Amino acid sequence: MKCSDAIVKLLEDAGIKYVFGHPGEHVLPLYDSLRTSRIEHVLLRHEQGVVHAADGYARASGGIGVCISTGGPGALNLVMGVATAYKDSIPLIVITGDIPRAQIGLNVFQEVELEKVFKPITRYTFKPENGEEAISALKRALLYSRMEPMGPIHININKDIFQEEVGESIISGGVEYSPTRDYTNMGEAISLLESSRRPLIVAGAGVLWARAEDDLRELIEAHDIPVATTYPARGVIGEDHPLCLGMIGTRGTPTANYAGRNCDLIIALGCRISERTITGFGDSPIIHVNIDKKTLKGDVNLQMDVKEFIKRIKSRLSFSTSWVRELNEYSVDNPPAYDCPPLLEDYPLKPSQVIPRIFELAPDAIIVNDAGSHTTWVTLYRRVLESRSLIYSGAFGPMGYGLPASIGVGLARPEKKIILITGDGGFQMTMQELGTIMERGLPIIICVLNNSSLGIVRQWQEMEYGESYQVRLKNPDFVRLARSYNIEAVRIEEPEELDDLLPNILGADEPVLVEIRVEEEDIPLPPGFIDVDGGGE
């Protein structure tokens, strides 16, 4: 069988349902093999959209996102999205085509050394020299993508290798992989836990990818341990659970950050220790559990799977903490923002008023959050009750992520209402993906908050330099644009329109774009922000 046929067969056997892509010359043999496959190909309008859609699919489904593109410019258009997935440890398999082997080094049309480009932003990049190596690389990618530490894996395959004949038996062979584990400090970790009177668990996305939500819930309930989460882990314990303090760090809830400052032990599970999470909280010791050795920065480090760690300690702990009451009392006087959203006032509308109203009308929806000034209001005013229901690139934050990511989310979770919150700046970076939404009839609600500016950049310029420059946007008519794609669209400018129109819009079973005209509104500065004589942070 042809190598391209074997690749498709491997993907089918691995349970891959969707492949996101954009065809081109160097990957045409793979497209010919996909043509008769049960795998559904999702055609995006730009390769940036391809990889963001695969990323959104992986985040929402908990599975692997697979994307393909041609070589040269097609592959380079993937780079920003691959970097996004790399920073957030999202399991993607990225297959690129390339020039035939006989042309390598001749400076032919679209030749570029893709492995050097992708190496810094992928967990692995493979450059197979023949068909058998290509199949072996894909087997490894499928295996590694299901094991932490996760991240994108790139396979660059020359066009003639796709067409090479390989034996059918090669598909069935296994791949050996022995992940590194280090339990050396387990005894010290348990001693610290047993002696702690004010412990705090900080749960990261590693809990999510290890599928350890139930294990974590059993642990905290058995020992009354409060838990805070990082942004990508929001919902691993519902934010209505009495032991969940909400998000910790830069945009964290008052109670989560109070707990970080006043605990006597932090147990960091499957998260990075960074300036946005749990640094700067004092001298409390940190037990850091992560499968990725490079991220370990605690006082007691354990390189292991979070689920395994919880199972190992759960039966060996005999204490119960008593400081939850103190945290609850603090929370009464210092509630999270989603418990006290601002009232809807007169024209002009403000993002901080519009966004909570959307959430009030759609409490069970999956929210896809693009990058922009609105991002802060989404973070503050969304109470997240289940995992994988707030989709956002927290570690890289590219503008334009939201629209294509919502396509992947919609395919992964067709039973859920999908709402995209984006700004006029971010939306215009990938708005051509309205074509894919139209083509598939995905019932995504696209909320474009239009303030005719690059809001965060404007605010930062004014703080640092006293005035802004090149941040005003003269926008197209977004309603007419959406309608040109046969997508229903409405414009909201007045508070009464918000209440009159939003309920029907959010209840629609077809794609709808709603442009909401809002005024420029400065986002609140995070705690610890220092502004000396207007000089910024």
Protein backbone atom coordinates (compact mmCIF):
# COMPACT_ATOMS: atom_id res chain seq x y z
CA MET A 1 0.00 0.00 0.00
CA LYS A 2 1.08 3.60 -0.49
CA CYS A 3 2.59 5.39 2.49
CA SER A 4 -0.22 7.97 2.36
CA ASP A 5 -2.80 5.16 2.56
CA ALA A 6 -0.98 3.69 5.56
CA ILE A 7 -0.96 7.10 7.27
CA VAL A 8 -4.72 7.44 6.85
CA LYS A 9 -5.25 3.86 8.06
CA LEU A 10 -3.21 4.58 11.20
CA LEU A 11 -5.24 7.71 11.90
CA GLU A 12 -8.48 5.78 11.40
CA ASP A 13 -7.35 3.00 13.73
CA ALA A 14 -6.42 5.62 16.34
CA GLY A 15 -10.01 6.88 16.36
CA ILE A 16 -9.27 10.20 14.68
CA LYS A 17 -12.61 11.60 13.53
CA TYR A 18 -11.56 14.94 12.02
CA VAL A 19 -8.50 16.23 10.20
CA PHE A 20 -8.18 20.00 9.77
CA GLY A 21 -6.35 21.17 6.70
CA HIS A 22 -5.76 23.21 3.59
CA PRO A 23 -4.50 21.37 0.49
CA GLY A 24 -1.45 22.20 -1.58
CA GLU A 25 0.94 20.58 -4.04
CA HIS A 26 3.28 18.78 -1.65
CA VAL A 27 0.53 17.11 0.35
CA LEU A 28 -1.76 16.07 -2.54
CA PRO A 29 -1.02 12.32 -2.20
CA LEU A 30 -2.30 12.42 1.37
CA TYR A 31 -5.45 14.21 0.24
CA ASP A 32 -6.04 11.53 -2.38
CA SER A 33 -5.89 8.90 0.38
CA LEU A 34 -8.20 10.92 2.63
CA ARG A 35 -10.77 11.21 -0.18
CA THR A 36 -12.08 7.68 0.48
CA SER A 37 -11.48 7.65 4.25
CA ARG A 38 -14.11 7.71 6.98
CA ILE A 39 -12.11 10.54 8.54
CA GLU A 40 -13.82 13.85 7.89
CA HIS A 41 -11.63 16.59 6.46
CA VAL A 42 -12.42 20.13 7.65
CA LEU A 43 -11.36 22.74 5.10
CA LEU A 44 -10.28 26.06 6.60
CA ARG A 45 -9.55 29.20 4.57
CA HIS A 46 -6.05 29.83 5.95
CA GLU A 47 -3.46 27.62 7.60
CA GLN A 48 -3.52 29.73 10.76
CA GLY A 49 -7.20 28.81 10.99
CA VAL A 50 -6.31 25.16 10.36
CA VAL A 51 -4.09 24.83 13.41
CA HIS A 52 -6.28 26.96 15.71
CA ALA A 53 -9.29 24.80 14.79
CA ALA A 54 -7.34 21.62 15.57
CA ASP A 55 -6.22 23.22 18.84
CA GLY A 56 -9.81 24.12 19.78
CA TYR A 57 -10.92 20.58 18.97
CA ALA A 58 -8.25 19.09 21.23
CA ARG A 59 -9.02 21.43 24.14
CA ALA A 60 -12.77 20.81 23.97
CA SER A 61 -12.67 17.06 23.33
CA GLY A 62 -9.68 16.02 25.43
CA GLY A 63 -8.38 14.17 22.38
CA ILE A 64 -5.79 14.79 19.69
CA GLY A 65 -6.08 17.55 17.11
CA VAL A 66 -4.69 16.60 13.70
CA CYS A 67 -3.86 19.17 11.04
CA ILE A 68 -2.18 19.00 7.64
CA SER A 69 -0.80 21.50 5.18
CA THR A 70 1.48 21.75 2.21
CA GLY A 71 5.10 22.84 2.53
CA GLY A 72 6.71 26.24 2.12
CA PRO A 73 4.28 29.10 2.79
CA GLY A 74 1.49 26.75 3.84
CA ALA A 75 3.61 25.20 6.56
CA LEU A 76 4.96 28.56 7.69
CA ASN A 77 1.41 29.85 8.07
CA LEU A 78 0.95 27.16 10.74
CA VAL A 79 3.77 28.46 12.93
CA MET A 80 1.88 30.89 15.15
CA GLY A 81 -0.85 28.36 15.90
CA VAL A 82 1.68 25.61 16.61
CA ALA A 83 3.47 27.95 19.03
CA THR A 84 0.11 28.63 20.69
CA ALA A 85 -0.44 24.91 21.24
CA TYR A 86 3.14 24.45 22.43
CA LYS A 87 2.87 27.13 25.10
CA ASP A 88 -0.36 25.58 26.41
CA SER A 89 0.78 21.93 26.03
CA ILE A 90 -2.05 20.99 23.64
CA PRO A 91 -1.75 17.58 21.91
CA LEU A 92 -1.58 18.21 18.16
CA ILE A 93 -0.18 16.15 15.31
CA VAL A 94 0.98 18.50 12.56
CA ILE A 95 1.71 16.84 9.20
CA THR A 96 3.32 18.96 6.51
CA GLY A 97 4.20 18.00 2.96
CA ASP A 98 7.51 19.01 1.42
CA ILE A 99 9.39 19.03 -1.87
CA PRO A 100 10.49 15.65 -3.34
CA ARG A 101 13.74 14.28 -1.93
CA ALA A 102 15.61 14.65 -5.23
CA GLN A 103 15.13 18.43 -5.07
CA ILE A 104 16.46 18.97 -1.55
CA GLY A 105 19.30 21.49 -1.46
CA LEU A 106 18.67 22.86 -4.95
CA ASN A 107 16.87 25.99 -3.74
CA VAL A 108 13.75 25.01 -5.66
CA PHE A 109 10.33 26.61 -5.44
CA GLN A 110 9.03 26.70 -1.82
CA GLU A 111 12.06 24.92 -0.34
CA VAL A 112 12.71 25.77 3.31
CA GLU A 113 14.13 23.73 6.21
CA LEU A 114 10.89 23.25 8.09
CA GLU A 115 12.40 21.10 10.84
CA LYS A 116 14.53 24.04 12.02
CA VAL A 117 11.45 26.27 12.04
CA PHE A 118 9.26 23.88 14.02
CA LYS A 119 11.83 22.44 16.44
CA PRO A 120 11.63 25.26 19.06
CA ILE A 121 7.80 25.18 19.14
CA THR A 122 7.08 21.45 19.16
CA ARG A 123 7.63 18.59 21.54
CA TYR A 124 9.15 16.58 18.68
CA THR A 125 9.72 17.22 15.00
CA PHE A 126 10.32 14.23 12.73
CA LYS A 127 11.88 14.23 9.26
CA PRO A 128 11.45 10.67 7.93
CA GLU A 129 13.75 9.58 5.11
CA ASN A 130 11.45 6.92 3.69
CA GLY A 131 7.94 5.50 3.97
CA GLU A 132 8.69 3.14 6.83
CA GLU A 133 10.19 5.96 8.89
CA ALA A 134 7.13 8.10 8.15
CA ILE A 135 4.82 5.38 9.52
CA SER A 136 7.07 4.93 12.57
CA ALA A 137 7.03 8.69 13.19
CA LEU A 138 3.23 8.79 13.07
CA LYS A 139 2.98 5.83 15.45
CA ARG A 140 5.21 7.63 17.90
CA ALA A 141 3.25 10.83 17.51
CA LEU A 142 -0.04 9.05 18.22
CA LEU A 143 1.46 7.42 21.32
CA TYR A 144 3.24 10.50 22.66
CA SER A 145 0.15 12.67 22.12
CA ARG A 146 -1.72 10.59 24.68
CA MET A 147 1.02 10.81 27.30
CA GLU A 148 2.22 13.80 29.26
CA PRO A 149 4.07 16.07 28.83
CA MET A 150 1.88 16.99 25.90
CA GLY A 151 2.35 19.39 23.05
CA PRO A 152 2.37 19.56 19.25
CA ILE A 153 4.34 16.97 17.29
CA HIS A 154 5.45 17.82 13.76
CA ILE A 155 6.06 15.32 10.96
CA ASN A 156 7.49 16.72 7.71
CA ILE A 157 7.07 14.27 4.82
CA ASN A 158 8.44 14.73 1.31
CA LYS A 159 5.87 14.38 -1.46
CA ASP A 160 7.52 11.32 -3.02
CA ILE A 161 7.58 9.55 0.37
CA PHE A 162 3.78 9.78 0.52
CA GLN A 163 3.73 7.86 -2.77
CA GLU A 164 6.24 5.22 -1.69
CA GLU A 165 5.06 1.64 -1.26
CA VAL A 166 5.17 0.18 2.27
CA GLY A 167 4.23 -3.25 3.58
CA GLU A 168 0.80 -3.53 5.18
CA SER A 169 2.32 -5.34 8.17
CA ILE A 170 4.09 -2.14 9.21
CA ILE A 171 0.80 -0.70 10.44
CA SER A 172 0.35 -3.31 13.16
CA GLY A 173 3.76 -3.03 14.81
CA GLY A 174 3.96 -1.35 18.22
CA VAL A 175 6.15 1.44 19.56
CA GLU A 176 7.96 1.20 22.88
CA TYR A 177 7.93 4.19 25.20
CA SER A 178 8.93 4.30 28.85
CA PRO A 179 8.12 7.70 30.39
CA THR A 180 10.45 8.91 33.13
CA ARG A 181 9.09 8.92 36.68
CA ASP A 182 10.83 10.05 39.86
CA TYR A 183 9.23 9.15 43.21
CA THR A 184 12.32 9.95 45.29
CA ASN A 185 10.70 12.77 47.26
CA MET A 186 7.35 11.09 47.91
CA GLY A 187 8.07 10.50 51.60
CA GLU A 188 9.07 14.12 52.15
CA ALA A 189 5.94 15.30 50.35
CA ILE A 190 3.68 13.20 52.58
CA SER A 191 5.44 14.47 55.71
CA LEU A 192 4.88 18.06 54.63
CA LEU A 193 1.21 17.33 53.96
CA GLU A 194 0.71 15.64 57.32
CA SER A 195 2.27 18.54 59.22
CA SER A 196 0.40 21.25 57.30
CA ARG A 197 -2.50 23.08 58.93
CA ARG A 198 -3.22 25.50 56.09
CA PRO A 199 -2.54 23.65 52.83
CA LEU A 200 -3.62 24.92 49.42
CA ILE A 201 -3.84 22.84 46.25
CA VAL A 202 -3.22 24.71 43.01
CA ALA A 203 -4.58 22.61 40.14
CA GLY A 204 -3.29 23.12 36.63
CA ALA A 205 -4.14 21.72 33.22
CA GLY A 206 -2.17 18.57 34.05
CA VAL A 207 -5.16 17.53 36.18
CA LEU A 208 -7.36 17.95 33.12
CA TRP A 209 -5.19 15.99 30.69
CA ALA A 210 -4.58 13.25 33.26
CA ARG A 211 -8.37 12.97 33.62
CA ALA A 212 -7.90 13.28 37.37
CA GLU A 213 -10.85 15.58 38.14
CA ASP A 214 -12.74 12.93 40.13
CA ASP A 215 -9.59 11.88 42.00
CA LEU A 216 -8.89 15.49 42.96
CA ARG A 217 -12.46 16.02 44.14
CA GLU A 218 -12.29 12.91 46.34
CA LEU A 219 -8.98 14.08 47.83
CA ILE A 220 -10.10 17.59 48.76
CA GLU A 221 -13.44 16.41 50.14
CA ALA A 222 -11.80 13.71 52.27
CA HIS A 223 -9.39 16.17 53.90
CA ASP A 224 -11.11 19.57 53.53
CA ILE A 225 -8.28 20.96 51.42
CA PRO A 226 -9.15 24.15 49.52
CA VAL A 227 -8.22 24.22 45.85
CA ALA A 228 -7.47 27.08 43.46
CA THR A 229 -6.90 26.66 39.74
CA THR A 230 -4.83 28.15 36.98
CA TYR A 231 -6.64 29.67 33.99
CA PRO A 232 -6.55 26.59 31.71
CA ALA A 233 -7.68 24.34 34.57
CA ARG A 234 -10.78 26.33 35.47
CA GLY A 235 -13.67 23.96 35.94
CA VAL A 236 -11.67 20.88 36.99
CA ILE A 237 -13.48 21.55 40.25
CA GLY A 238 -16.64 23.55 39.63
CA GLU A 239 -16.41 27.12 40.88
CA ASP A 240 -19.62 26.53 42.83
CA HIS A 241 -17.96 23.79 44.93
CA PRO A 242 -17.48 24.91 48.57
CA LEU A 243 -13.78 23.98 48.48
CA CYS A 244 -13.03 25.70 45.17
CA LEU A 245 -11.62 29.20 45.60
CA GLY A 246 -11.57 29.97 41.87
CA MET A 247 -8.62 31.05 39.79
CA ILE A 248 -5.35 32.09 41.41
CA GLY A 249 -2.75 34.57 40.21
CA THR A 250 -2.80 37.75 38.14
CA ARG A 251 -6.56 37.80 37.54
CA GLY A 252 -7.41 35.47 40.39
CA THR A 253 -10.25 35.77 42.86
CA PRO A 254 -9.57 37.67 46.10
CA THR A 255 -10.00 34.50 48.17
CA ALA A 256 -7.70 32.36 46.03
CA ASN A 257 -4.95 34.95 46.26
CA TYR A 258 -5.59 35.43 49.99
CA ALA A 259 -5.15 31.68 50.43
CA GLY A 260 -1.92 31.82 48.43
CA ARG A 261 -0.56 34.51 50.75
CA ASN A 262 -1.66 32.84 53.99
CA CYS A 263 -1.26 29.10 53.45
CA ASP A 264 1.58 27.15 55.02
CA LEU A 265 1.97 24.73 52.08
CA ILE A 266 1.21 24.85 48.35
CA ILE A 267 0.64 21.61 46.45
CA ALA A 268 1.04 22.52 42.77
CA LEU A 269 -0.52 19.79 40.61
CA GLY A 270 0.12 19.76 36.89
CA CYS A 271 0.80 23.47 36.53
CA ARG A 272 3.70 25.79 35.86
CA ILE A 273 5.03 28.03 38.59
CA SER A 274 5.14 31.40 36.90
CA GLU A 275 4.59 35.11 37.39
CA ARG A 276 0.91 34.59 36.51
CA THR A 277 0.20 31.80 38.98
CA ILE A 278 1.83 31.29 42.36
CA THR A 279 5.04 33.29 42.56
CA GLY A 280 5.26 36.14 45.03
CA PHE A 281 3.01 34.55 47.66
CA GLY A 282 5.62 34.31 50.41
CA ASP A 283 7.86 31.63 51.85
CA SER A 284 5.45 28.69 52.09
CA PRO A 285 7.05 25.48 50.80
CA ILE A 286 5.81 24.15 47.48
CA ILE A 287 5.29 20.52 46.54
CA HIS A 288 5.42 20.55 42.76
CA VAL A 289 4.02 17.59 40.82
CA ASN A 290 4.41 17.61 37.05
CA ILE A 291 5.25 15.04 34.41
CA ASP A 292 7.52 17.53 32.65
CA LYS A 293 10.83 17.72 34.51
CA LYS A 294 11.75 21.06 32.91
CA THR A 295 8.85 22.79 34.70
CA LEU A 296 9.62 21.58 38.24
CA LYS A 297 10.47 24.55 40.48
CA GLY A 298 9.17 23.56 43.91
CA ASP A 299 10.90 22.87 47.21
CA VAL A 300 9.88 19.23 46.89
CA ASN A 301 9.60 18.05 43.27
CA LEU A 302 7.93 14.93 41.91
CA GLN A 303 8.14 14.04 38.24
CA MET A 304 5.01 11.97 37.84
CA ASP A 305 1.46 11.87 36.57
CA VAL A 306 -0.97 13.92 38.70
CA LYS A 307 -3.53 11.12 38.80
CA GLU A 308 -0.91 8.69 40.06
CA PHE A 309 0.27 11.16 42.72
CA ILE A 310 -3.25 11.65 44.08
CA LYS A 311 -3.87 7.92 44.22
CA ARG A 312 -0.57 7.33 46.04
CA ILE A 313 -1.19 9.93 48.74
CA LYS A 314 -4.95 9.58 49.19
CA SER A 315 -4.78 6.41 51.23
CA ARG A 316 -1.76 7.56 53.26
CA LEU A 317 -3.09 10.86 54.59
CA SER A 318 -4.98 10.99 57.86
CA PHE A 319 -5.39 14.72 58.53
CA SER A 320 -8.22 17.16 57.96
CA THR A 321 -7.68 20.91 57.72
CA SER A 322 -9.75 23.49 59.55
CA TRP A 323 -9.01 26.75 57.78
CA VAL A 324 -11.78 26.51 55.16
CA ARG A 325 -14.08 28.46 57.50
CA GLU A 326 -11.60 31.36 57.55
CA LEU A 327 -11.50 31.36 53.75
CA ASN A 328 -15.29 31.29 53.51
CA GLU A 329 -15.57 34.26 55.86
CA TYR A 330 -13.00 36.16 53.80
CA SER A 331 -14.94 35.38 50.62
CA VAL A 332 -18.14 36.87 52.04
CA ASP A 333 -16.43 40.25 52.40
CA ASN A 334 -14.35 39.86 49.21
CA PRO A 335 -16.54 38.08 46.66
CA PRO A 336 -15.33 37.10 43.18
CA ALA A 337 -16.33 39.42 40.34
CA TYR A 338 -18.80 36.90 38.90
CA ASP A 339 -20.86 37.18 42.09
CA CYS A 340 -21.32 40.95 41.68
CA PRO A 341 -21.39 41.98 37.99
CA PRO A 342 -22.03 45.66 37.19
CA LEU A 343 -25.53 46.83 36.35
CA LEU A 344 -26.51 47.49 32.76
CA GLU A 345 -26.52 51.27 32.37
CA ASP A 346 -27.35 53.74 29.65
CA TYR A 347 -25.76 54.19 26.26
CA PRO A 348 -22.95 53.74 25.37
CA LEU A 349 -22.62 50.10 26.33
CA LYS A 350 -19.50 48.91 28.13
CA PRO A 351 -17.84 45.48 27.74
CA SER A 352 -17.90 45.02 31.53
CA GLN A 353 -21.71 45.27 31.41
CA VAL A 354 -22.38 43.36 28.19
CA ILE A 355 -20.28 40.27 28.92
CA PRO A 356 -21.91 39.36 32.26
CA ARG A 357 -25.32 39.71 30.58
CA ILE A 358 -24.30 37.18 27.91
CA PHE A 359 -23.17 34.77 30.62
CA GLU A 360 -26.37 35.25 32.60
CA LEU A 361 -28.42 34.24 29.56
CA ALA A 362 -26.19 31.27 28.64
CA PRO A 363 -24.90 29.70 31.87
CA ASP A 364 -24.28 26.28 30.30
CA ALA A 365 -22.59 27.38 27.08
CA ILE A 366 -18.97 26.74 26.18
CA ILE A 367 -17.25 30.11 25.93
CA VAL A 368 -14.42 30.57 23.43
CA ASN A 369 -12.37 33.63 24.37
CA ASP A 370 -10.26 35.47 21.82
CA ALA A 371 -7.39 37.80 22.77
CA GLY A 372 -8.20 41.45 23.39
CA SER A 373 -9.32 43.85 26.09
CA HIS A 374 -12.56 41.88 26.48
CA THR A 375 -10.50 38.91 27.68
CA THR A 376 -10.16 40.38 31.16
CA TRP A 377 -13.92 40.81 31.54
CA VAL A 378 -14.55 37.24 30.40
CA THR A 379 -11.99 36.01 32.93
CA LEU A 380 -13.52 37.98 35.78
CA TYR A 381 -17.23 37.48 35.10
CA ARG A 382 -17.50 33.86 33.95
CA ARG A 383 -18.16 31.33 36.69
CA VAL A 384 -16.80 28.06 35.27
CA LEU A 385 -18.72 25.02 36.46
CA GLU A 386 -17.21 22.24 34.35
CA SER A 387 -13.89 21.51 32.72
CA ARG A 388 -13.29 22.32 29.04
CA SER A 389 -16.05 24.94 29.04
CA LEU A 390 -13.83 28.05 28.83
CA ILE A 391 -11.48 27.83 25.86
CA TYR A 392 -8.64 30.32 25.59
CA SER A 393 -4.93 30.40 24.85
CA GLY A 394 -3.70 31.61 28.21
CA ALA A 395 0.05 31.26 27.72
CA PHE A 396 0.39 32.82 24.25
CA GLY A 397 -2.80 34.79 23.65
CA PRO A 398 -2.79 35.37 19.88
CA MET A 399 -5.38 37.70 18.42
CA GLY A 400 -7.55 35.84 15.94
CA TYR A 401 -7.46 32.55 17.84
CA GLY A 402 -11.14 32.60 18.76
CA LEU A 403 -13.04 32.22 15.47
CA PRO A 404 -11.18 29.18 14.07
CA ALA A 405 -10.86 27.63 17.53
CA SER A 406 -14.65 27.84 17.91
CA ILE A 407 -14.98 25.70 14.77
CA GLY A 408 -12.96 22.92 16.40
CA VAL A 409 -14.88 23.34 19.65
CA GLY A 410 -18.20 23.14 17.81
CA LEU A 411 -17.21 19.90 16.10
CA ALA A 412 -15.93 18.41 19.36
CA ARG A 413 -19.01 19.32 21.40
CA PRO A 414 -22.04 19.47 19.07
CA GLU A 415 -24.43 18.99 21.99
CA LYS A 416 -23.36 22.30 23.60
CA LYS A 417 -24.07 25.92 22.79
CA ILE A 418 -20.83 27.58 21.61
CA ILE A 419 -20.37 31.32 22.14
CA LEU A 420 -17.33 33.19 20.84
CA ILE A 421 -16.37 36.45 22.54
CA THR A 422 -14.05 38.46 20.32
CA GLY A 423 -13.13 42.05 19.58
CA ASP A 424 -13.14 43.93 16.30
CA GLY A 425 -9.34 43.72 16.12
CA GLY A 426 -8.98 40.01 16.78
CA PHE A 427 -11.98 39.07 14.66
CA GLN A 428 -10.49 40.70 11.56
CA MET A 429 -7.33 38.60 11.82
CA THR A 430 -9.16 35.37 10.95
CA MET A 431 -12.62 36.49 9.84
CA GLN A 432 -12.29 34.55 6.58
CA GLU A 433 -13.13 31.44 8.61
CA LEU A 434 -16.75 32.56 8.49
CA GLY A 435 -16.63 30.57 5.25
CA THR A 436 -16.05 27.31 7.11
CA ILE A 437 -18.80 28.11 9.62
CA MET A 438 -21.18 28.84 6.73
CA GLU A 439 -20.16 25.70 4.86
CA ARG A 440 -20.80 23.45 7.84
CA GLY A 441 -23.71 25.34 9.33
CA LEU A 442 -22.08 25.30 12.75
CA PRO A 443 -24.47 27.02 15.21
CA ILE A 444 -21.79 29.24 16.74
CA ILE A 445 -22.83 32.55 18.27
CA ILE A 446 -20.15 35.09 17.32
CA CYS A 447 -20.19 38.12 19.61
CA VAL A 448 -18.00 40.88 18.18
CA LEU A 449 -17.44 43.66 20.73
CA ASN A 450 -16.67 46.60 18.49
CA ASN A 451 -14.91 49.57 20.07
CA SER A 452 -13.12 50.56 16.83
CA SER A 453 -9.74 50.24 18.48
CA LEU A 454 -6.98 47.97 19.70
CA GLY A 455 -8.06 48.45 23.29
CA ILE A 456 -5.23 46.99 25.36
CA VAL A 457 -2.53 48.52 23.17
CA ARG A 458 -4.24 51.92 23.44
CA GLN A 459 -4.42 51.65 27.23
CA TRP A 460 -0.79 50.60 27.57
CA GLN A 461 0.37 53.38 25.24
CA GLU A 462 -1.53 56.00 27.19
CA MET A 463 -0.11 54.75 30.50
CA GLU A 464 3.47 54.58 29.25
CA TYR A 465 3.62 57.49 26.80
CA GLY A 466 0.65 59.71 27.64
CA GLU A 467 -1.05 59.25 24.28
CA SER A 468 -1.90 56.54 21.76
CA TYR A 469 -0.78 55.95 18.18
CA GLN A 470 -2.03 53.69 15.35
CA VAL A 471 -4.68 51.93 17.41
CA ARG A 472 -7.90 53.34 15.90
CA LEU A 473 -9.66 51.00 13.50
CA LYS A 474 -11.91 52.00 10.63
CA ASN A 475 -13.97 48.85 10.39
CA PRO A 476 -16.13 47.27 7.72
CA ASP A 477 -19.83 46.67 8.26
CA PHE A 478 -19.62 43.40 10.20
CA VAL A 479 -23.34 42.71 9.82
CA ARG A 480 -23.24 42.96 6.04
CA LEU A 481 -20.00 40.98 6.00
CA ALA A 482 -21.60 38.09 7.89
CA ARG A 483 -24.68 38.20 5.68
CA SER A 484 -22.47 37.94 2.61
CA TYR A 485 -21.51 34.53 4.02
CA ASN A 486 -25.22 33.68 4.47
CA ILE A 487 -24.81 33.99 8.23
CA GLU A 488 -27.56 35.78 10.12
CA ALA A 489 -26.32 38.96 11.79
CA VAL A 490 -27.61 41.77 13.99
CA ARG A 491 -26.17 44.93 15.52
CA ILE A 492 -26.77 46.02 19.12
CA GLU A 493 -26.07 49.56 20.29
CA GLU A 494 -28.59 50.30 23.06
CA PRO A 495 -29.11 48.62 26.46
CA GLU A 496 -32.76 47.83 25.66
CA GLU A 497 -31.65 46.11 22.43
CA LEU A 498 -29.36 43.92 24.48
CA ASP A 499 -32.26 42.62 26.57
CA ASP A 500 -34.67 42.46 23.63
CA LEU A 501 -32.43 40.67 21.13
CA LEU A 502 -29.86 38.63 23.06
CA PRO A 503 -32.20 35.90 24.40
CA ASN A 504 -33.34 34.94 20.89
CA ILE A 505 -29.83 35.22 19.47
CA LEU A 506 -28.29 32.98 22.13
CA GLY A 507 -31.07 30.45 21.62
CA ALA A 508 -30.53 30.16 17.86
CA ASP A 509 -29.72 26.78 16.33
CA GLU A 510 -27.82 28.31 13.41
CA PRO A 511 -24.72 30.52 13.20
CA VAL A 512 -25.34 34.13 14.18
CA LEU A 513 -22.98 37.10 14.32
CA VAL A 514 -23.95 39.83 16.76
CA GLU A 515 -21.97 43.04 16.57
CA ILE A 516 -22.19 44.90 19.88
CA ARG A 517 -21.06 48.51 19.75
CA VAL A 518 -19.22 49.32 22.96
CA GLU A 519 -17.18 52.24 24.19
CA GLU A 520 -13.50 52.06 24.96
CA GLU A 521 -13.08 50.87 28.52
CA ASP A 522 -9.82 50.48 30.39
CA ILE A 523 -9.33 47.06 31.91
CA PRO A 524 -8.53 47.02 35.64
CA LEU A 525 -4.85 46.80 36.42
CA PRO A 526 -3.83 43.51 38.03
CA PRO A 527 -2.77 43.49 41.69
CA GLY A 528 0.87 44.42 42.09
CA PHE A 529 0.92 46.64 39.01
CA ILE A 530 3.31 49.52 39.61
CA ASP A 531 2.82 52.83 37.82
CA VAL A 532 5.50 55.36 38.66
CA ASP A 533 4.86 58.79 37.11
CA GLY A 534 2.76 57.16 34.41
CA GLY A 535 5.64 54.91 33.43
CA GLY A 536 3.73 51.64 33.34
CA GLU A 537 4.64 48.39 35.01
